[in-house]
Amino acid sequence: MGTGIDDDAVDAQRSERLDWRFKAIPAAAHGATVEEYLGRRPSLDDFGTPLLTLDAGALDHNLRLMAGWCERAGVRLAPHGKTTMAPELWRRQLDAGAWGITVANLPQLRVARAFRVRRLLLANTLVDPAGLAWIGGELDGDPDFTFVSWADSVRTVELMNEGLLAARVQRPVHVCVELGGAHGRTGARDEETALAVADAVRKAPALRLAGLGGYEGALAHDASDEGRAAVDAYLRRLADLHGRLEYETAEPIVTAGGSSFFDQVTEVLSGLACVDGCEVVLRSGAYIIHDDGFYRQISPFARGVAEERLRSAMHGWGRVVSRPEPSLALLDTGKRDLPFDEGMPEPQLVRGAGSERLEGARVTAMNDQHTFLEGGDVEVGDVVRLGLSHPCTALDKWTLLPVVDDAGAERPAVVDLIRTWF
């Protein structure tokens, strides 16, 4: 074990043999292991389209920038693993100082434990009896494993306790009470309900009250004054509730912070650690990939919390396969390949020909397998690089992701292949 993950299990992915299962991989690579193929020093020109790539320099930059910011701010970081579901990237985050990894559901938990992630935060509720029995077995079988789940109702606590007792689990499961907000997602809607949940946890023999959690990102979708005020009001409720809880662990946690408002989370909550020794844990996950859309606009780094900004580490690549009208081109890349839920892709350059030929171009629509590009001076056969929005719905479309040395180079070199497990 290295810093919180099984290095041998992560490294073993490089022994996987390449074949038709990986849509990003050219046929010429079939039969070789990941390690062997990378030893051939492949170029991006060797890969077909559609394609999604990661940028090595941007990944390193983003890791360094976020780790440094959290250290200076005095908060912990348990990045949300659902953004990438890539143990190799989780390891880089842990090596950069991350406190643990956050996941959203039972399948993601199972992936994380397959790679022996040592500290896991489930930002959700686990009430499935089979899932409770399994996680209990993981706790009983590994004394170094730390697991924290959430609960937002007394009924949730009852089901968790019953499931764990029925499975005869020996180690108690640590639980955070979840506080929500009106029109938000999950979470107790008022403080009295949250206090009742906390009391139920303390009375449950299979559980331990270990902290308080919530998600402010469900209460605002932009960084307007109104949105930021809603986030601030919620976080102050979270801080006040923390002062009313009696925890059962020596180092309780207070956790909030998606990728949009972690600066406000830190401003409101970081003082709690100084007062009573709790750990304030952010769960920001999108930062390592970032984007050229939603997060480019809303990230605290875009609002000046540091001198540097995050850089988009993901790009789509599509080949022009049709010019049926003078101002319309169709790319061979569509919704099955690239994210579209938080905005259309952004045409950035023609590979090997710079950005000038795409002046005035824009993506107007996407089908399952095609992207509609209007404007720009492109010809059939050109490969267009696309900036993307929302990494959380990008990497799930790819089981193996080429990492290039520089996505802006005339001929990018492929320097790594990242395995995902969605």
Protein backbone atom coordinates (compact mmCIF):
# COMPACT_ATOMS: atom_id res chain seq x y z
CA MET A 1 0.00 0.00 0.00
CA GLY A 2 1.19 3.49 -0.82
CA THR A 3 -0.66 6.60 0.31
CA GLY A 4 -4.09 5.07 0.64
CA ILE A 5 -4.42 2.71 -2.36
CA ASP A 6 -2.93 -0.61 -3.47
CA ASP A 7 -0.09 0.36 -5.79
CA ASP A 8 0.29 -3.18 -7.12
CA ALA A 9 -3.38 -3.32 -8.12
CA VAL A 10 -3.13 0.05 -9.87
CA ASP A 11 0.09 -0.92 -11.65
CA ALA A 12 -1.40 -4.26 -12.76
CA GLN A 13 -3.69 -2.36 -15.13
CA ARG A 14 -0.67 -1.79 -17.36
CA SER A 15 -0.51 -5.55 -17.97
CA GLU A 16 -3.98 -5.63 -19.51
CA ARG A 17 -3.97 -6.69 -23.16
CA LEU A 18 -5.47 -4.33 -25.67
CA ASP A 19 -8.21 -5.45 -28.04
CA TRP A 20 -11.58 -4.56 -29.56
CA ARG A 21 -13.15 -3.89 -26.11
CA PHE A 22 -11.46 -0.49 -25.97
CA LYS A 23 -13.00 1.75 -28.61
CA ALA A 24 -10.19 4.30 -28.32
CA ILE A 25 -7.48 1.82 -29.22
CA PRO A 26 -6.30 1.29 -32.83
CA ALA A 27 -6.29 -2.24 -34.24
CA ALA A 28 -2.51 -2.09 -34.61
CA ALA A 29 -2.26 -2.18 -30.82
CA HIS A 30 -4.35 -5.32 -30.35
CA GLY A 31 -2.52 -8.10 -28.53
CA ALA A 32 -0.02 -5.81 -26.83
CA THR A 33 -0.24 -4.91 -23.17
CA VAL A 34 -0.70 -1.29 -22.18
CA GLU A 35 2.94 -1.19 -21.13
CA GLU A 36 4.16 -2.72 -24.39
CA TYR A 37 2.10 -0.41 -26.55
CA LEU A 38 3.24 2.72 -24.74
CA GLY A 39 6.81 1.51 -25.28
CA ARG A 40 6.25 1.99 -29.02
CA ARG A 41 5.82 5.74 -28.40
CA PRO A 42 2.52 6.08 -30.26
CA SER A 43 1.32 9.34 -31.75
CA LEU A 44 -2.24 10.63 -31.62
CA ASP A 45 -2.19 10.33 -35.41
CA ASP A 46 -2.24 6.55 -34.86
CA PHE A 47 -5.67 6.77 -33.22
CA GLY A 48 -8.97 6.99 -35.04
CA THR A 49 -12.01 9.07 -34.24
CA PRO A 50 -14.24 9.57 -32.34
CA LEU A 51 -11.87 10.05 -29.44
CA LEU A 52 -11.54 11.63 -26.01
CA THR A 53 -8.08 12.41 -24.63
CA LEU A 54 -6.55 13.74 -21.46
CA ASP A 55 -3.70 16.25 -21.35
CA ALA A 56 -0.73 15.30 -19.14
CA GLY A 57 0.39 18.85 -18.44
CA ALA A 58 -3.09 20.02 -17.47
CA LEU A 59 -3.59 17.05 -15.13
CA ASP A 60 -0.34 17.78 -13.31
CA HIS A 61 -1.12 21.50 -13.12
CA ASN A 62 -4.61 20.92 -11.70
CA LEU A 63 -3.39 18.43 -9.11
CA ARG A 64 -0.71 20.81 -7.88
CA LEU A 65 -2.97 23.85 -7.85
CA MET A 66 -5.81 22.26 -5.85
CA ALA A 67 -3.52 20.46 -3.39
CA GLY A 68 -1.66 23.67 -2.66
CA TRP A 69 -4.86 25.67 -2.22
CA CYS A 70 -6.32 23.15 0.26
CA GLU A 71 -3.09 23.05 2.26
CA ARG A 72 -2.99 26.83 2.55
CA ALA A 73 -6.69 26.96 3.43
CA GLY A 74 -6.31 24.35 6.17
CA VAL A 75 -8.93 21.94 4.83
CA ARG A 76 -8.82 18.29 3.80
CA LEU A 77 -9.77 17.01 0.36
CA ALA A 78 -11.58 13.75 -0.40
CA PRO A 79 -12.12 14.22 -4.16
CA HIS A 80 -15.22 12.67 -5.63
CA GLY A 81 -14.06 9.58 -7.48
CA LYS A 82 -17.16 9.40 -9.67
CA THR A 83 -15.74 12.12 -11.92
CA THR A 84 -13.08 9.79 -13.31
CA MET A 85 -13.61 6.30 -11.84
CA ALA A 86 -9.92 5.88 -12.66
CA PRO A 87 -7.78 4.36 -9.87
CA GLU A 88 -4.61 5.68 -11.51
CA LEU A 89 -5.94 9.22 -11.18
CA TRP A 90 -7.18 8.50 -7.64
CA ARG A 91 -3.64 7.48 -6.77
CA ARG A 92 -2.28 10.73 -8.11
CA GLN A 93 -4.79 12.64 -6.00
CA LEU A 94 -3.89 10.64 -2.88
CA ASP A 95 -0.18 11.06 -3.57
CA ALA A 96 -0.80 14.82 -3.82
CA GLY A 97 -2.18 14.77 -0.27
CA ALA A 98 -5.86 13.87 -0.55
CA TRP A 99 -7.38 12.68 2.76
CA GLY A 100 -9.45 9.98 1.04
CA ILE A 101 -11.75 9.33 -1.91
CA THR A 102 -15.48 10.06 -2.11
CA VAL A 103 -17.91 7.82 -4.00
CA ALA A 104 -21.64 8.03 -4.69
CA ASN A 105 -23.04 4.50 -4.65
CA LEU A 106 -22.40 0.82 -3.97
CA PRO A 107 -20.91 -0.08 -7.40
CA GLN A 108 -18.38 2.73 -7.01
CA LEU A 109 -17.58 1.53 -3.50
CA ARG A 110 -16.83 -1.93 -4.87
CA VAL A 111 -14.44 -0.53 -7.46
CA ALA A 112 -12.64 1.51 -4.82
CA ARG A 113 -12.26 -1.47 -2.53
CA ALA A 114 -11.06 -3.66 -5.42
CA PHE A 115 -8.09 -1.27 -5.46
CA ARG A 116 -7.96 -1.21 -1.65
CA VAL A 117 -8.60 2.48 -1.19
CA ARG A 118 -7.98 2.90 2.52
CA ARG A 119 -10.35 5.76 3.40
CA LEU A 120 -13.72 6.10 1.66
CA LEU A 121 -16.54 8.57 2.12
CA LEU A 122 -19.93 7.58 0.71
CA ALA A 123 -21.73 10.86 0.01
CA ASN A 124 -25.01 8.99 0.00
CA THR A 125 -27.04 6.55 2.04
CA LEU A 126 -26.49 2.78 2.06
CA VAL A 127 -29.60 0.85 3.12
CA ASP A 128 -29.37 -2.19 0.83
CA PRO A 129 -28.98 -5.27 3.10
CA ALA A 130 -26.57 -7.02 0.75
CA GLY A 131 -24.50 -3.86 0.42
CA LEU A 132 -24.42 -3.36 4.19
CA ALA A 133 -23.31 -6.96 4.72
CA TRP A 134 -20.57 -6.52 2.12
CA ILE A 135 -19.20 -3.24 3.49
CA GLY A 136 -19.33 -4.72 6.99
CA GLY A 137 -17.21 -7.61 5.78
CA GLU A 138 -14.73 -5.16 4.29
CA LEU A 139 -14.46 -3.36 7.62
CA ASP A 140 -14.11 -6.56 9.62
CA GLY A 141 -11.50 -7.93 7.24
CA ASP A 142 -9.30 -4.85 7.04
CA PRO A 143 -8.48 -2.96 10.25
CA ASP A 144 -6.81 -0.20 8.21
CA PHE A 145 -10.00 0.53 6.24
CA THR A 146 -12.01 3.63 7.22
CA PHE A 147 -15.54 4.08 5.88
CA VAL A 148 -18.07 6.86 6.46
CA SER A 149 -21.66 6.88 5.16
CA TRP A 150 -24.56 9.35 5.37
CA ALA A 151 -28.06 9.27 6.86
CA ASP A 152 -30.86 11.84 6.60
CA SER A 153 -33.79 10.11 8.36
CA VAL A 154 -34.50 7.96 11.38
CA ARG A 155 -35.82 5.26 9.04
CA THR A 156 -32.48 5.24 7.25
CA VAL A 157 -30.71 4.69 10.55
CA GLU A 158 -33.05 1.84 11.44
CA LEU A 159 -32.44 0.06 8.15
CA MET A 160 -28.67 0.48 8.38
CA ASN A 161 -28.56 -0.81 11.93
CA GLU A 162 -30.84 -3.78 11.16
CA GLY A 163 -28.83 -4.76 8.09
CA LEU A 164 -25.50 -4.63 9.89
CA LEU A 165 -26.77 -6.53 12.92
CA ALA A 166 -28.33 -9.20 10.69
CA ALA A 167 -24.95 -9.64 8.99
CA ARG A 168 -23.23 -9.85 12.39
CA VAL A 169 -20.80 -7.11 11.48
CA GLN A 170 -18.26 -6.51 14.24
CA ARG A 171 -16.94 -3.01 13.47
CA PRO A 172 -19.51 -0.19 13.63
CA VAL A 173 -20.12 1.91 10.54
CA HIS A 174 -19.34 5.60 10.95
CA VAL A 175 -22.18 7.90 9.91
CA CYS A 176 -22.52 11.57 9.02
CA VAL A 177 -25.89 13.22 9.52
CA GLU A 178 -26.81 14.87 6.23
CA LEU A 179 -28.37 18.32 6.24
CA GLY A 180 -30.13 19.40 3.06
CA GLY A 181 -31.99 22.45 1.89
CA ALA A 182 -35.35 23.30 0.35
CA HIS A 183 -35.55 22.20 -3.30
CA GLY A 184 -32.11 20.61 -2.94
CA ARG A 185 -31.23 16.96 -3.19
CA THR A 186 -31.11 14.56 -0.23
CA GLY A 187 -30.59 15.62 3.38
CA ALA A 188 -32.77 16.44 6.38
CA ARG A 189 -34.67 19.59 5.56
CA ASP A 190 -34.57 21.08 9.07
CA GLU A 191 -32.31 21.03 12.08
CA GLU A 192 -34.77 19.24 14.36
CA THR A 193 -34.97 16.31 11.94
CA ALA A 194 -31.17 16.24 11.72
CA LEU A 195 -30.89 16.17 15.52
CA ALA A 196 -33.36 13.28 15.66
CA VAL A 197 -31.25 11.39 13.10
CA ALA A 198 -28.12 12.02 15.18
CA ASP A 199 -29.86 10.74 18.30
CA ALA A 200 -30.97 7.59 16.45
CA VAL A 201 -27.40 6.96 15.27
CA ARG A 202 -26.05 7.25 18.81
CA LYS A 203 -28.60 4.70 20.00
CA ALA A 204 -27.83 2.23 17.17
CA PRO A 205 -25.25 -0.36 18.30
CA ALA A 206 -23.96 -0.97 14.77
CA LEU A 207 -23.36 2.73 14.03
CA ARG A 208 -21.25 5.60 15.33
CA LEU A 209 -21.99 9.29 14.88
CA ALA A 210 -18.85 10.53 13.12
CA GLY A 211 -19.73 13.81 11.49
CA LEU A 212 -22.00 16.10 9.54
CA GLY A 213 -22.31 16.38 5.77
CA GLY A 214 -24.13 18.14 2.99
CA TYR A 215 -23.96 19.40 -0.58
CA GLU A 216 -24.32 23.09 -1.26
CA GLY A 217 -24.07 22.68 -5.04
CA ALA A 218 -27.69 21.50 -5.24
CA LEU A 219 -28.87 24.90 -4.03
CA ALA A 220 -27.28 27.09 -6.71
CA HIS A 221 -26.33 26.44 -10.32
CA ASP A 222 -24.46 29.68 -10.94
CA ALA A 223 -22.18 32.10 -9.14
CA SER A 224 -24.64 34.99 -9.14
CA ASP A 225 -25.07 37.06 -6.00
CA GLU A 226 -28.34 35.24 -5.34
CA GLY A 227 -26.79 31.82 -5.84
CA ARG A 228 -23.80 32.55 -3.63
CA ALA A 229 -26.08 33.98 -0.92
CA ALA A 230 -28.12 30.76 -0.92
CA VAL A 231 -24.94 28.72 -0.55
CA ASP A 232 -23.68 30.94 2.27
CA ALA A 233 -26.96 30.68 4.20
CA TYR A 234 -26.93 26.90 3.92
CA LEU A 235 -23.31 26.62 5.06
CA ARG A 236 -24.01 28.75 8.11
CA ARG A 237 -26.86 26.39 9.02
CA LEU A 238 -24.38 23.53 8.67
CA ALA A 239 -21.89 25.26 10.99
CA ASP A 240 -24.58 26.00 13.58
CA LEU A 241 -25.82 22.40 13.53
CA HIS A 242 -22.29 21.12 14.04
CA GLY A 243 -22.15 22.99 17.33
CA ARG A 244 -25.29 21.17 18.53
CA LEU A 245 -24.13 17.60 17.80
CA GLU A 246 -22.44 15.19 20.20
CA TYR A 247 -20.16 12.97 18.17
CA GLU A 248 -18.93 9.50 19.06
CA THR A 249 -15.52 9.64 17.39
CA ALA A 250 -12.33 11.43 18.40
CA GLU A 251 -11.94 13.21 15.06
CA PRO A 252 -15.38 14.04 13.62
CA ILE A 253 -15.64 15.47 10.13
CA VAL A 254 -17.75 18.22 8.62
CA THR A 255 -17.91 17.72 4.88
CA ALA A 256 -19.30 19.82 2.05
CA GLY A 257 -17.89 21.35 -1.09
CA GLY A 258 -18.45 20.33 -4.66
CA SER A 259 -16.35 21.88 -7.40
CA SER A 260 -18.25 25.17 -7.65
CA PHE A 261 -18.30 26.76 -4.19
CA PHE A 262 -15.45 25.21 -2.21
CA ASP A 263 -14.11 28.69 -1.49
CA GLN A 264 -17.30 29.59 0.38
CA VAL A 265 -17.29 26.24 2.17
CA THR A 266 -13.78 26.95 3.39
CA GLU A 267 -14.58 30.53 4.40
CA VAL A 268 -17.55 29.45 6.53
CA LEU A 269 -16.41 26.09 7.89
CA SER A 270 -12.62 26.14 8.18
CA GLY A 271 -12.76 27.84 11.56
CA LEU A 272 -14.51 24.79 13.03
CA ALA A 273 -11.25 22.85 12.95
CA CYS A 274 -9.54 25.53 14.99
CA VAL A 275 -12.31 25.62 17.60
CA ASP A 276 -12.92 21.95 18.35
CA GLY A 277 -10.49 19.89 16.29
CA CYS A 278 -12.88 18.50 13.71
CA GLU A 279 -11.69 17.87 10.15
CA VAL A 280 -13.28 19.99 7.42
CA VAL A 281 -13.34 17.82 4.30
CA LEU A 282 -14.04 19.09 0.79
CA ARG A 283 -15.31 16.64 -1.83
CA SER A 284 -14.47 18.56 -5.01
CA GLY A 285 -13.90 16.07 -7.83
CA ALA A 286 -14.10 17.90 -11.17
CA TYR A 287 -10.95 19.95 -10.60
CA ILE A 288 -8.51 17.28 -11.83
CA ILE A 289 -10.13 17.23 -15.29
CA HIS A 290 -11.84 20.66 -15.27
CA ASP A 291 -13.43 21.74 -18.58
CA ASP A 292 -13.97 24.37 -21.26
CA GLY A 293 -17.58 25.02 -20.27
CA PHE A 294 -19.54 24.90 -17.03
CA TYR A 295 -16.64 24.66 -14.58
CA ARG A 296 -14.52 27.11 -16.54
CA GLN A 297 -17.19 29.68 -15.66
CA ILE A 298 -18.14 28.68 -12.12
CA SER A 299 -14.95 27.33 -10.53
CA PRO A 300 -13.66 29.44 -7.61
CA PHE A 301 -10.33 29.61 -9.46
CA ALA A 302 -12.17 31.49 -12.21
CA ARG A 303 -13.32 33.94 -9.52
CA GLY A 304 -9.77 34.72 -8.44
CA VAL A 305 -9.19 32.62 -5.31
CA ALA A 306 -5.64 32.07 -6.59
CA GLU A 307 -3.35 33.69 -9.13
CA GLU A 308 -3.52 30.61 -11.36
CA ARG A 309 -6.52 28.95 -12.94
CA LEU A 310 -7.37 25.35 -13.61
CA ARG A 311 -6.87 24.09 -17.16
CA SER A 312 -9.13 21.77 -19.08
CA ALA A 313 -7.45 18.36 -19.26
CA MET A 314 -10.01 16.77 -21.60
CA HIS A 315 -10.63 17.21 -25.30
CA GLY A 316 -12.81 15.55 -27.86
CA TRP A 317 -11.64 14.78 -31.37
CA GLY A 318 -13.94 14.35 -34.35
CA ARG A 319 -13.26 13.88 -38.05
CA VAL A 320 -15.20 15.76 -40.70
CA VAL A 321 -17.08 13.06 -42.62
CA SER A 322 -19.55 15.18 -44.58
CA ARG A 323 -19.99 18.72 -45.96
CA PRO A 324 -23.57 18.46 -47.25
CA GLU A 325 -24.10 22.25 -47.23
CA PRO A 326 -21.64 25.14 -47.63
CA SER A 327 -21.87 26.19 -43.97
CA LEU A 328 -22.46 22.76 -42.40
CA ALA A 329 -19.99 20.00 -41.56
CA LEU A 330 -20.74 16.71 -39.80
CA LEU A 331 -18.19 15.18 -37.42
CA ASP A 332 -18.09 11.46 -36.62
CA THR A 333 -18.36 12.20 -32.88
CA GLY A 334 -21.66 12.37 -31.00
CA LYS A 335 -23.55 11.97 -27.75
CA ARG A 336 -22.27 8.41 -27.31
CA ASP A 337 -18.73 9.83 -27.17
CA LEU A 338 -18.79 13.29 -25.60
CA PRO A 339 -20.74 15.15 -22.86
CA PHE A 340 -23.58 17.46 -23.84
CA ASP A 341 -25.72 17.95 -20.71
CA GLU A 342 -24.01 21.21 -19.63
CA GLY A 343 -23.48 22.75 -23.05
CA MET A 344 -22.38 21.84 -26.56
CA PRO A 345 -18.73 21.14 -27.37
CA GLU A 346 -16.58 24.12 -28.36
CA PRO A 347 -14.67 23.86 -31.68
CA GLN A 348 -11.08 24.88 -30.94
CA LEU A 349 -8.69 23.90 -33.72
CA VAL A 350 -8.06 21.68 -36.71
CA ARG A 351 -5.30 19.26 -35.79
CA GLY A 352 -2.10 20.29 -37.50
CA ALA A 353 -3.65 23.48 -38.88
CA GLY A 354 -4.24 25.68 -35.82
CA SER A 355 -7.36 27.56 -34.78
CA GLU A 356 -7.67 30.04 -37.65
CA ARG A 357 -9.73 27.71 -39.81
CA LEU A 358 -12.40 27.45 -37.08
CA GLU A 359 -12.99 31.18 -36.62
CA GLY A 360 -16.73 31.72 -36.36
CA ALA A 361 -17.47 28.02 -36.08
CA ARG A 362 -19.86 26.60 -33.49
CA VAL A 363 -21.54 23.33 -32.63
CA THR A 364 -25.30 23.64 -33.02
CA ALA A 365 -26.49 20.09 -32.26
CA MET A 366 -25.42 16.53 -31.57
CA ASN A 367 -26.91 13.17 -32.52
CA ASP A 368 -25.87 9.81 -31.13
CA GLN A 369 -22.90 9.56 -33.53
CA HIS A 370 -22.63 12.98 -35.22
CA THR A 371 -21.86 16.56 -34.28
CA PHE A 372 -23.21 19.45 -36.37
CA LEU A 373 -20.53 22.08 -36.98
CA GLU A 374 -21.63 25.36 -38.56
CA GLY A 375 -19.13 27.83 -40.01
CA GLY A 376 -15.38 27.46 -40.18
CA ASP A 377 -13.11 26.48 -43.03
CA VAL A 378 -13.02 22.69 -42.76
CA GLU A 379 -12.85 19.89 -45.29
CA VAL A 380 -13.79 16.23 -45.26
CA GLY A 381 -10.97 14.39 -43.49
CA ASP A 382 -9.99 17.22 -41.13
CA VAL A 383 -9.77 16.31 -37.44
CA VAL A 384 -11.31 18.92 -35.14
CA ARG A 385 -10.39 19.32 -31.47
CA LEU A 386 -13.38 20.11 -29.28
CA GLY A 387 -13.43 21.74 -25.87
CA LEU A 388 -15.90 20.01 -23.58
CA SER A 389 -18.18 20.88 -20.68
CA HIS A 390 -18.79 18.77 -17.54
CA PRO A 391 -16.19 16.05 -16.89
CA CYS A 392 -18.64 14.04 -14.76
CA THR A 393 -20.48 12.94 -17.92
CA ALA A 394 -17.43 12.65 -20.17
CA LEU A 395 -15.12 9.90 -18.98
CA ASP A 396 -17.94 7.40 -18.40
CA LYS A 397 -18.18 6.94 -22.17
CA TRP A 398 -14.63 5.55 -22.40
CA THR A 399 -13.00 2.50 -20.81
CA LEU A 400 -9.47 3.51 -21.79
CA LEU A 401 -8.32 7.09 -22.26
CA PRO A 402 -5.19 8.15 -24.16
CA VAL A 403 -3.16 10.80 -22.34
CA VAL A 404 -1.24 13.13 -24.64
CA ASP A 405 1.80 15.21 -23.84
CA ASP A 406 0.27 18.40 -25.26
CA ALA A 407 -3.21 18.59 -26.81
CA GLY A 408 -2.19 21.81 -28.56
CA ALA A 409 0.82 20.33 -30.35
CA GLU A 410 0.80 19.77 -34.09
CA ARG A 411 1.37 16.03 -33.51
CA PRO A 412 0.54 15.13 -29.89
CA ALA A 413 2.34 12.09 -28.49
CA VAL A 414 0.42 9.52 -26.43
CA VAL A 415 2.26 9.10 -23.12
CA ASP A 416 -0.22 7.05 -21.07
CA LEU A 417 -3.47 5.10 -21.19
CA ILE A 418 -5.86 5.57 -18.24
CA ARG A 419 -8.31 2.77 -17.41
CA THR A 420 -11.77 3.71 -16.13
CA TRP A 421 -14.24 1.49 -14.25
CA PHE A 422 -17.75 2.87 -14.63
